[in-house]
N, C-alpha and C. Protein backbone atom coordinates (compact mmCIF):
# COMPACT_ATOMS: atom_id res chain seq x y z
N UNK A 1 -57.01 12.22 -60.65
CA UNK A 1 -56.17 11.23 -59.84
C UNK A 1 -55.38 12.19 -58.77
N UNK A 2 -54.80 11.68 -57.74
CA UNK A 2 -54.11 12.57 -56.99
C UNK A 2 -52.84 11.62 -56.95
N UNK A 3 -51.95 12.44 -57.21
CA UNK A 3 -50.40 11.74 -57.71
C UNK A 3 -49.37 11.65 -56.17
N UNK A 4 -49.09 10.51 -56.00
CA UNK A 4 -48.51 10.49 -54.63
C UNK A 4 -46.68 10.79 -54.65
N UNK A 5 -45.79 11.13 -53.99
CA UNK A 5 -44.68 11.03 -54.20
C UNK A 5 -44.34 10.22 -52.88
N UNK A 6 -43.07 9.72 -52.87
CA UNK A 6 -42.11 9.48 -52.06
C UNK A 6 -41.09 9.90 -51.69
N UNK A 7 -40.97 10.45 -50.06
CA UNK A 7 -40.34 11.29 -49.63
C UNK A 7 -38.47 10.82 -50.13
N UNK A 8 -37.78 11.97 -50.13
CA UNK A 8 -36.44 11.89 -50.72
C UNK A 8 -35.83 11.44 -48.77
N UNK A 9 -34.70 10.67 -49.38
CA UNK A 9 -33.81 10.55 -47.91
C UNK A 9 -33.66 11.68 -46.80
N UNK A 10 -33.60 12.50 -47.55
CA UNK A 10 -33.45 14.05 -46.75
C UNK A 10 -34.75 14.53 -45.86
N UNK A 11 -35.51 13.88 -46.31
CA UNK A 11 -37.27 14.31 -45.83
C UNK A 11 -37.40 12.74 -44.93
N UNK A 12 -36.99 11.66 -44.64
CA UNK A 12 -37.36 10.85 -44.17
C UNK A 12 -36.92 11.05 -42.74
N UNK A 13 -37.37 10.87 -41.55
CA UNK A 13 -37.11 10.83 -40.01
C UNK A 13 -35.71 10.20 -39.93
N UNK A 14 -34.99 10.60 -39.26
CA UNK A 14 -33.68 9.41 -38.53
C UNK A 14 -34.10 8.40 -38.23
N UNK A 15 -33.40 7.31 -38.46
CA UNK A 15 -33.15 6.07 -37.85
C UNK A 15 -33.39 6.33 -36.04
N UNK A 16 -33.68 5.31 -35.58
CA UNK A 16 -34.19 5.61 -34.39
C UNK A 16 -32.81 4.55 -33.99
N UNK A 17 -32.21 4.94 -32.93
CA UNK A 17 -30.90 4.17 -31.84
C UNK A 17 -31.16 3.41 -31.65
N UNK A 18 -32.75 3.17 -31.04
CA UNK A 18 -32.99 1.93 -30.09
C UNK A 18 -34.06 0.78 -31.65
N UNK A 19 -33.84 -0.27 -30.63
CA UNK A 19 -34.78 -1.35 -31.68
C UNK A 19 -35.84 -1.62 -31.39
N UNK A 20 -36.47 -2.20 -32.21
CA UNK A 20 -37.92 -2.65 -31.83
C UNK A 20 -37.84 -4.03 -31.72
N UNK A 21 -38.67 -4.69 -30.68
CA UNK A 21 -38.58 -5.27 -29.91
C UNK A 21 -39.97 -6.54 -30.07
N UNK A 22 -39.51 -7.42 -29.88
CA UNK A 22 -40.41 -8.48 -30.45
C UNK A 22 -41.19 -8.58 -29.25
N UNK A 23 -42.93 -8.92 -29.42
CA UNK A 23 -43.31 -9.09 -28.15
C UNK A 23 -43.03 -10.09 -27.03
N UNK A 24 -42.26 -11.29 -27.98
CA UNK A 24 -41.87 -12.31 -26.79
C UNK A 24 -40.76 -11.99 -26.08
N UNK A 25 -39.63 -11.24 -26.92
CA UNK A 25 -38.65 -10.80 -26.08
C UNK A 25 -38.74 -9.89 -25.21
N UNK A 26 -39.75 -9.04 -25.36
CA UNK A 26 -40.34 -7.89 -24.20
C UNK A 26 -40.48 -8.57 -23.20
N UNK A 27 -41.65 -9.90 -23.30
CA UNK A 27 -42.35 -10.28 -21.85
C UNK A 27 -40.98 -11.40 -20.99
N UNK A 28 -40.11 -12.03 -22.14
CA UNK A 28 -38.50 -12.58 -21.39
C UNK A 28 -37.91 -11.53 -20.59
N UNK A 29 -37.98 -9.98 -21.23
CA UNK A 29 -36.67 -9.02 -20.44
C UNK A 29 -38.11 -8.75 -19.24
N UNK A 30 -38.93 -8.72 -19.11
CA UNK A 30 -40.16 -8.40 -17.97
C UNK A 30 -40.09 -9.53 -17.04
N UNK A 31 -40.03 -10.47 -17.28
CA UNK A 31 -40.01 -12.12 -16.79
C UNK A 31 -38.36 -11.87 -16.10
N UNK A 32 -37.43 -11.47 -16.75
CA UNK A 32 -36.07 -11.48 -16.26
C UNK A 32 -36.08 -10.48 -14.98
N UNK A 33 -36.64 -9.49 -15.20
CA UNK A 33 -36.47 -8.11 -14.40
C UNK A 33 -37.30 -8.57 -12.75
N UNK A 34 -38.54 -9.39 -13.17
CA UNK A 34 -39.38 -10.07 -12.03
C UNK A 34 -38.43 -11.02 -11.32
N UNK A 35 -37.89 -12.02 -12.05
CA UNK A 35 -37.09 -12.76 -11.48
C UNK A 35 -35.92 -12.41 -10.68
N UNK A 36 -35.35 -11.17 -10.83
CA UNK A 36 -33.75 -10.75 -10.24
C UNK A 36 -34.95 -10.31 -9.06
N UNK A 37 -36.16 -9.37 -9.24
CA UNK A 37 -36.73 -8.78 -7.89
C UNK A 37 -36.77 -10.49 -6.61
N UNK A 38 -37.50 -11.35 -7.54
CA UNK A 38 -37.58 -12.07 -6.56
C UNK A 38 -36.77 -12.78 -5.59
N UNK A 39 -35.48 -12.80 -6.47
CA UNK A 39 -34.17 -13.47 -5.96
C UNK A 39 -33.58 -12.49 -5.00
N UNK A 40 -33.89 -11.45 -4.91
CA UNK A 40 -33.18 -10.08 -4.04
C UNK A 40 -34.28 -10.27 -2.71
N UNK A 41 -35.75 -10.34 -3.32
CA UNK A 41 -36.48 -9.98 -2.01
C UNK A 41 -36.26 -12.00 -1.02
N UNK A 42 -36.00 -13.03 -2.18
CA UNK A 42 -35.20 -14.02 -1.05
C UNK A 42 -34.40 -14.04 -0.04
N UNK A 43 -33.26 -12.85 -0.72
CA UNK A 43 -32.26 -12.30 0.34
C UNK A 43 -32.91 -11.94 1.31
N UNK A 44 -33.73 -10.86 0.93
CA UNK A 44 -34.31 -10.58 2.26
C UNK A 44 -34.79 -10.96 3.34
N UNK A 45 -36.03 -12.21 2.90
CA UNK A 45 -36.44 -13.01 4.23
C UNK A 45 -35.75 -14.09 4.22
N UNK A 46 -35.08 -14.38 3.33
CA UNK A 46 -33.97 -15.71 4.07
C UNK A 46 -32.43 -15.41 4.64
N UNK A 47 -32.14 -14.09 4.63
CA UNK A 47 -31.17 -13.82 4.75
C UNK A 47 -29.85 -14.27 4.09
N UNK A 48 -30.08 -14.52 2.84
CA UNK A 48 -29.32 -15.08 2.01
C UNK A 48 -29.49 -15.06 0.27
N UNK A 49 -28.65 -14.13 -0.55
CA UNK A 49 -29.20 -14.51 -1.88
C UNK A 49 -28.46 -15.66 -2.07
N UNK A 50 -29.23 -16.72 -3.03
CA UNK A 50 -28.51 -18.03 -3.68
C UNK A 50 -27.40 -17.43 -4.48
N UNK A 51 -27.96 -16.13 -5.17
CA UNK A 51 -26.57 -16.38 -6.25
C UNK A 51 -25.22 -15.76 -5.94
N UNK A 52 -25.43 -15.44 -4.85
CA UNK A 52 -24.08 -14.09 -4.48
C UNK A 52 -23.23 -14.97 -4.07
N UNK A 53 -23.00 -16.22 -4.26
CA UNK A 53 -21.85 -17.17 -3.77
C UNK A 53 -20.78 -16.57 -4.50
N UNK A 54 -19.81 -16.07 -4.14
CA UNK A 54 -18.71 -15.51 -4.85
C UNK A 54 -17.35 -16.87 -4.99
N UNK A 55 -16.77 -16.92 -6.42
CA UNK A 55 -16.32 -17.65 -6.90
C UNK A 55 -14.54 -16.92 -6.81
N UNK A 56 -14.78 -15.85 -6.79
CA UNK A 56 -13.44 -15.10 -7.14
C UNK A 56 -13.72 -13.78 -6.52
N UNK A 57 -13.17 -13.58 -5.19
CA UNK A 57 -13.48 -12.57 -4.15
C UNK A 57 -12.23 -11.82 -3.91
N UNK A 58 -12.09 -10.39 -4.18
CA UNK A 58 -10.68 -9.51 -3.47
C UNK A 58 -11.19 -8.34 -3.42
N UNK A 59 -9.81 -7.64 -3.36
CA UNK A 59 -10.22 -6.03 -3.15
C UNK A 59 -10.43 -5.71 -4.87
N UNK A 60 -9.86 -6.25 -5.90
CA UNK A 60 -9.72 -5.71 -7.00
C UNK A 60 -11.04 -6.73 -8.32
N UNK A 61 -11.44 -7.63 -7.30
CA UNK A 61 -11.99 -8.62 -8.11
C UNK A 61 -13.37 -9.10 -7.38
N UNK A 62 -14.71 -9.18 -8.15
CA UNK A 62 -15.89 -9.81 -7.70
C UNK A 62 -16.64 -10.68 -8.50
N UNK A 63 -16.16 -11.60 -8.32
CA UNK A 63 -16.99 -12.70 -9.83
C UNK A 63 -17.72 -13.86 -8.44
N UNK A 64 -19.05 -13.57 -8.79
CA UNK A 64 -19.82 -14.61 -8.26
C UNK A 64 -21.07 -15.40 -9.13
N UNK A 65 -22.04 -16.19 -8.99
CA UNK A 65 -22.81 -16.77 -9.76
C UNK A 65 -23.92 -15.99 -10.51
N UNK A 66 -24.01 -14.33 -10.14
CA UNK A 66 -24.74 -13.19 -10.64
C UNK A 66 -24.02 -12.82 -11.70
N UNK A 67 -22.72 -12.93 -11.70
CA UNK A 67 -21.84 -12.95 -13.00
C UNK A 67 -21.64 -13.75 -14.13
N UNK A 68 -22.24 -14.89 -13.91
CA UNK A 68 -22.64 -15.47 -14.97
C UNK A 68 -24.12 -15.18 -15.72
N UNK A 69 -24.95 -14.88 -14.62
CA UNK A 69 -26.47 -14.47 -15.33
C UNK A 69 -26.10 -13.09 -15.99
N UNK A 70 -25.23 -12.08 -15.64
CA UNK A 70 -25.02 -11.06 -16.46
C UNK A 70 -24.74 -11.56 -17.78
N UNK A 71 -23.64 -11.90 -17.99
CA UNK A 71 -23.29 -12.73 -19.28
C UNK A 71 -24.55 -13.76 -19.90
N UNK A 72 -24.86 -14.50 -19.61
CA UNK A 72 -25.99 -15.22 -20.23
C UNK A 72 -27.23 -14.01 -20.58
N UNK A 73 -27.54 -13.34 -19.77
CA UNK A 73 -28.65 -12.25 -19.91
C UNK A 73 -28.48 -11.44 -21.20
N UNK A 74 -27.21 -10.71 -20.96
CA UNK A 74 -26.87 -9.70 -22.07
C UNK A 74 -26.26 -10.44 -23.47
N UNK A 75 -25.96 -11.69 -23.44
CA UNK A 75 -25.58 -12.36 -24.55
C UNK A 75 -27.08 -13.05 -25.29
N UNK A 76 -28.06 -12.85 -24.53
CA UNK A 76 -29.53 -13.00 -24.88
C UNK A 76 -29.92 -11.89 -25.75
N UNK A 77 -29.55 -10.50 -25.17
CA UNK A 77 -29.75 -9.32 -25.58
C UNK A 77 -28.80 -8.97 -26.86
N UNK A 78 -27.70 -9.34 -27.05
CA UNK A 78 -26.83 -8.91 -28.41
C UNK A 78 -27.26 -10.19 -28.86
N UNK A 79 -28.01 -11.08 -29.02
CA UNK A 79 -28.35 -11.96 -29.61
C UNK A 79 -29.61 -11.41 -30.66
N UNK A 80 -30.46 -11.12 -29.77
CA UNK A 80 -31.78 -10.38 -30.21
C UNK A 80 -31.87 -8.82 -30.95
N UNK A 81 -30.36 -8.13 -30.13
CA UNK A 81 -30.43 -6.85 -30.46
C UNK A 81 -29.20 -6.59 -30.81
N UNK A 82 -28.71 -7.04 -32.10
CA UNK A 82 -27.51 -6.93 -32.57
C UNK A 82 -26.61 -5.38 -32.86
N UNK A 83 -25.58 -5.42 -32.94
CA UNK A 83 -25.50 -3.76 -33.71
C UNK A 83 -25.68 -2.63 -32.58
N UNK A 84 -26.05 -2.70 -31.25
CA UNK A 84 -26.57 -1.65 -30.73
C UNK A 84 -26.24 -1.47 -29.25
N UNK A 85 -24.34 -1.62 -29.10
CA UNK A 85 -24.13 -2.21 -27.87
C UNK A 85 -23.95 -0.73 -27.18
N UNK A 86 -24.23 0.52 -27.33
CA UNK A 86 -24.18 1.54 -26.59
C UNK A 86 -25.59 1.60 -25.65
N UNK A 87 -26.33 1.78 -26.60
CA UNK A 87 -27.70 1.79 -25.86
C UNK A 87 -27.86 0.60 -24.80
N UNK A 88 -27.36 -0.45 -25.49
CA UNK A 88 -27.56 -1.78 -24.34
C UNK A 88 -26.93 -1.37 -23.25
N UNK A 89 -25.69 -1.02 -23.36
CA UNK A 89 -24.51 -1.19 -22.00
C UNK A 89 -25.16 0.26 -21.36
N UNK A 90 -25.68 1.26 -21.56
CA UNK A 90 -26.27 2.30 -21.00
C UNK A 90 -27.50 1.71 -20.43
N UNK A 91 -28.49 1.23 -20.74
CA UNK A 91 -29.45 0.47 -19.88
C UNK A 91 -28.83 -0.69 -19.12
N UNK A 92 -27.93 -1.35 -19.00
CA UNK A 92 -26.76 -1.99 -18.14
C UNK A 92 -26.41 -1.34 -16.92
N UNK A 93 -25.94 0.29 -17.69
CA UNK A 93 -25.56 1.13 -16.44
C UNK A 93 -26.37 1.46 -15.21
N UNK A 94 -27.52 1.64 -16.17
CA UNK A 94 -28.68 2.55 -15.44
C UNK A 94 -29.65 1.49 -14.58
N UNK A 95 -29.01 -0.05 -15.10
CA UNK A 95 -29.44 -0.91 -13.92
C UNK A 95 -28.64 -0.79 -12.71
N UNK A 96 -27.43 -0.87 -12.94
CA UNK A 96 -26.70 -0.84 -11.91
C UNK A 96 -26.73 0.41 -10.80
N UNK A 97 -27.27 1.37 -11.70
CA UNK A 97 -27.35 2.97 -10.95
C UNK A 97 -28.28 2.45 -9.56
N UNK A 98 -29.82 1.64 -10.74
CA UNK A 98 -31.04 1.32 -9.22
C UNK A 98 -30.43 0.28 -8.35
N UNK A 99 -29.76 -0.59 -8.58
CA UNK A 99 -28.87 -1.72 -7.75
C UNK A 99 -28.47 -0.99 -6.42
N UNK A 100 -27.51 0.48 -7.13
CA UNK A 100 -26.71 1.45 -6.39
C UNK A 100 -27.66 2.03 -4.93
N UNK A 101 -28.71 2.46 -5.90
CA UNK A 101 -29.73 3.27 -5.29
C UNK A 101 -30.88 2.24 -4.12
N UNK A 102 -31.14 1.01 -4.38
CA UNK A 102 -31.34 0.17 -3.56
C UNK A 102 -30.79 -0.33 -2.47
N UNK A 103 -29.79 -0.75 -2.90
CA UNK A 103 -28.80 -0.92 -1.65
C UNK A 103 -28.64 0.03 -0.49
N UNK A 104 -28.73 1.47 -1.22
CA UNK A 104 -28.08 2.71 -0.52
C UNK A 104 -29.19 3.11 0.29
N UNK A 105 -30.93 2.21 0.01
CA UNK A 105 -31.46 2.34 1.07
C UNK A 105 -31.68 1.46 2.34
N UNK A 106 -31.50 -0.17 1.44
CA UNK A 106 -31.67 -1.07 2.37
C UNK A 106 -30.51 -2.23 1.85
N UNK A 107 -29.94 -2.36 2.89
CA UNK A 107 -28.87 -3.41 2.75
C UNK A 107 -29.30 -4.57 2.91
N UNK A 108 -30.41 -4.84 3.82
CA UNK A 108 -31.40 -5.58 4.10
C UNK A 108 -31.72 -6.69 2.55
N UNK A 109 -32.09 -5.94 2.23
CA UNK A 109 -32.74 -6.22 0.73
C UNK A 109 -31.82 -6.57 -0.36
N UNK A 110 -30.87 -5.57 -0.49
CA UNK A 110 -29.91 -5.84 -1.56
C UNK A 110 -28.71 -5.24 -1.20
N UNK A 111 -27.46 -6.25 -1.29
CA UNK A 111 -26.13 -5.67 -1.23
C UNK A 111 -25.52 -5.94 -2.26
N UNK A 112 -24.71 -4.77 -2.73
CA UNK A 112 -23.78 -4.36 -3.99
C UNK A 112 -22.73 -3.43 -3.23
N UNK A 113 -21.73 -3.98 -3.75
CA UNK A 113 -20.44 -3.26 -3.77
C UNK A 113 -19.77 -2.65 -5.22
N UNK A 114 -18.74 -1.53 -4.93
CA UNK A 114 -18.69 -0.59 -5.86
C UNK A 114 -17.56 -1.53 -6.82
N UNK A 115 -16.74 -2.57 -6.39
CA UNK A 115 -16.05 -3.15 -7.34
C UNK A 115 -17.00 -4.49 -8.06
N UNK A 116 -17.87 -4.55 -7.45
CA UNK A 116 -19.11 -5.81 -8.15
C UNK A 116 -19.76 -5.21 -9.20
N UNK A 117 -20.09 -3.75 -8.86
CA UNK A 117 -20.75 -3.12 -9.95
C UNK A 117 -19.90 -2.56 -11.11
N UNK A 118 -18.57 -2.61 -10.91
CA UNK A 118 -17.89 -2.44 -12.21
C UNK A 118 -17.54 -3.93 -13.06
N UNK A 119 -17.65 -5.23 -11.81
CA UNK A 119 -17.15 -6.45 -13.00
C UNK A 119 -18.74 -6.24 -13.43
N UNK A 120 -19.94 -6.19 -12.66
CA UNK A 120 -21.29 -6.55 -13.72
C UNK A 120 -21.15 -5.84 -15.09
N UNK A 121 -20.77 -4.35 -14.43
CA UNK A 121 -20.97 -3.72 -15.92
C UNK A 121 -19.72 -4.82 -16.98
N UNK A 122 -18.68 -5.06 -16.63
CA UNK A 122 -18.08 -5.80 -17.30
C UNK A 122 -18.68 -6.89 -18.09
N UNK A 123 -19.44 -7.73 -17.43
CA UNK A 123 -19.60 -9.13 -17.71
C UNK A 123 -21.05 -8.50 -18.72
N UNK A 124 -21.84 -7.64 -18.44
CA UNK A 124 -22.69 -7.35 -19.41
C UNK A 124 -22.17 -6.93 -20.82
N UNK A 125 -21.08 -6.18 -21.00
CA UNK A 125 -20.18 -6.26 -21.93
C UNK A 125 -20.00 -7.49 -22.89
N UNK A 126 -19.20 -8.46 -22.00
CA UNK A 126 -18.57 -9.34 -22.77
C UNK A 126 -19.63 -10.32 -23.28
N UNK A 127 -21.14 -10.60 -22.51
CA UNK A 127 -22.03 -11.12 -22.84
C UNK A 127 -22.91 -10.44 -23.98
N UNK A 128 -22.94 -9.38 -23.87
CA UNK A 128 -23.38 -8.75 -25.33
C UNK A 128 -22.52 -9.02 -26.61
N UNK A 129 -21.31 -8.80 -26.25
CA UNK A 129 -20.46 -9.18 -27.34
C UNK A 129 -20.61 -10.67 -28.12
N UNK A 130 -20.95 -11.59 -26.84
CA UNK A 130 -20.98 -13.22 -27.45
C UNK A 130 -22.09 -13.10 -28.14
N UNK A 131 -23.46 -12.87 -27.57
CA UNK A 131 -24.73 -12.77 -28.52
C UNK A 131 -24.82 -11.84 -29.44
N UNK A 132 -23.76 -10.96 -29.77
CA UNK A 132 -24.07 -10.15 -31.12
C UNK A 132 -22.89 -11.02 -31.86
N UNK A 133 -22.03 -11.72 -31.99
CA UNK A 133 -20.94 -12.22 -32.08
C UNK A 133 -21.93 -13.53 -32.89
N UNK A 134 -22.80 -14.18 -32.47
CA UNK A 134 -23.34 -15.28 -32.42
C UNK A 134 -24.61 -14.67 -33.41
N UNK A 135 -25.08 -14.08 -33.18
CA UNK A 135 -26.07 -13.22 -34.37
C UNK A 135 -25.72 -13.04 -35.51
N UNK A 136 -24.06 -12.45 -35.52
CA UNK A 136 -23.88 -12.36 -36.99
C UNK A 136 -23.61 -13.70 -37.42
N UNK A 137 -23.04 -14.34 -37.09
CA UNK A 137 -22.71 -15.93 -37.34
C UNK A 137 -23.67 -16.35 -37.92
N UNK A 138 -24.49 -16.44 -37.18
CA UNK A 138 -25.73 -17.19 -37.31
C UNK A 138 -26.72 -16.48 -38.64
N UNK A 139 -26.79 -15.17 -38.77
CA UNK A 139 -27.36 -14.66 -40.01
C UNK A 139 -26.45 -14.68 -40.84
N UNK A 140 -25.62 -14.96 -41.20
CA UNK A 140 -24.75 -15.25 -42.27
C UNK A 140 -24.94 -16.15 -43.15
N UNK A 141 -25.29 -17.47 -41.90
CA UNK A 141 -25.37 -18.93 -42.80
C UNK A 141 -26.49 -18.80 -43.39
């Protein structure tokens, strides 16, 4: 009979900083990505983004309907993937880089200002913290 041993903690591989996501959550992320691309295609085809209506817009402030979408989207992420603020913010920043690259290629398809990018990242953070807090409170009960 062969004796099996369990690995000691020093022999186990380090835990990944990236969480395992459920299949339904992955589908939700893909749906959101396609929805955002569709809305920006709407901007291209109909000369207007339905969510780009500015609520507060100035030299140092840019808050529009997309700001609410950022908060809600990252709140859902924060709820499903708590305690991973760093990696999730890096994903958000990565997306803002993609937006910047897309708008530099075609302003007809995508319009983004530097101040709006900074506010988008801020709203990502706020949304994530809200979702993380709700997740913590929900799992305590």
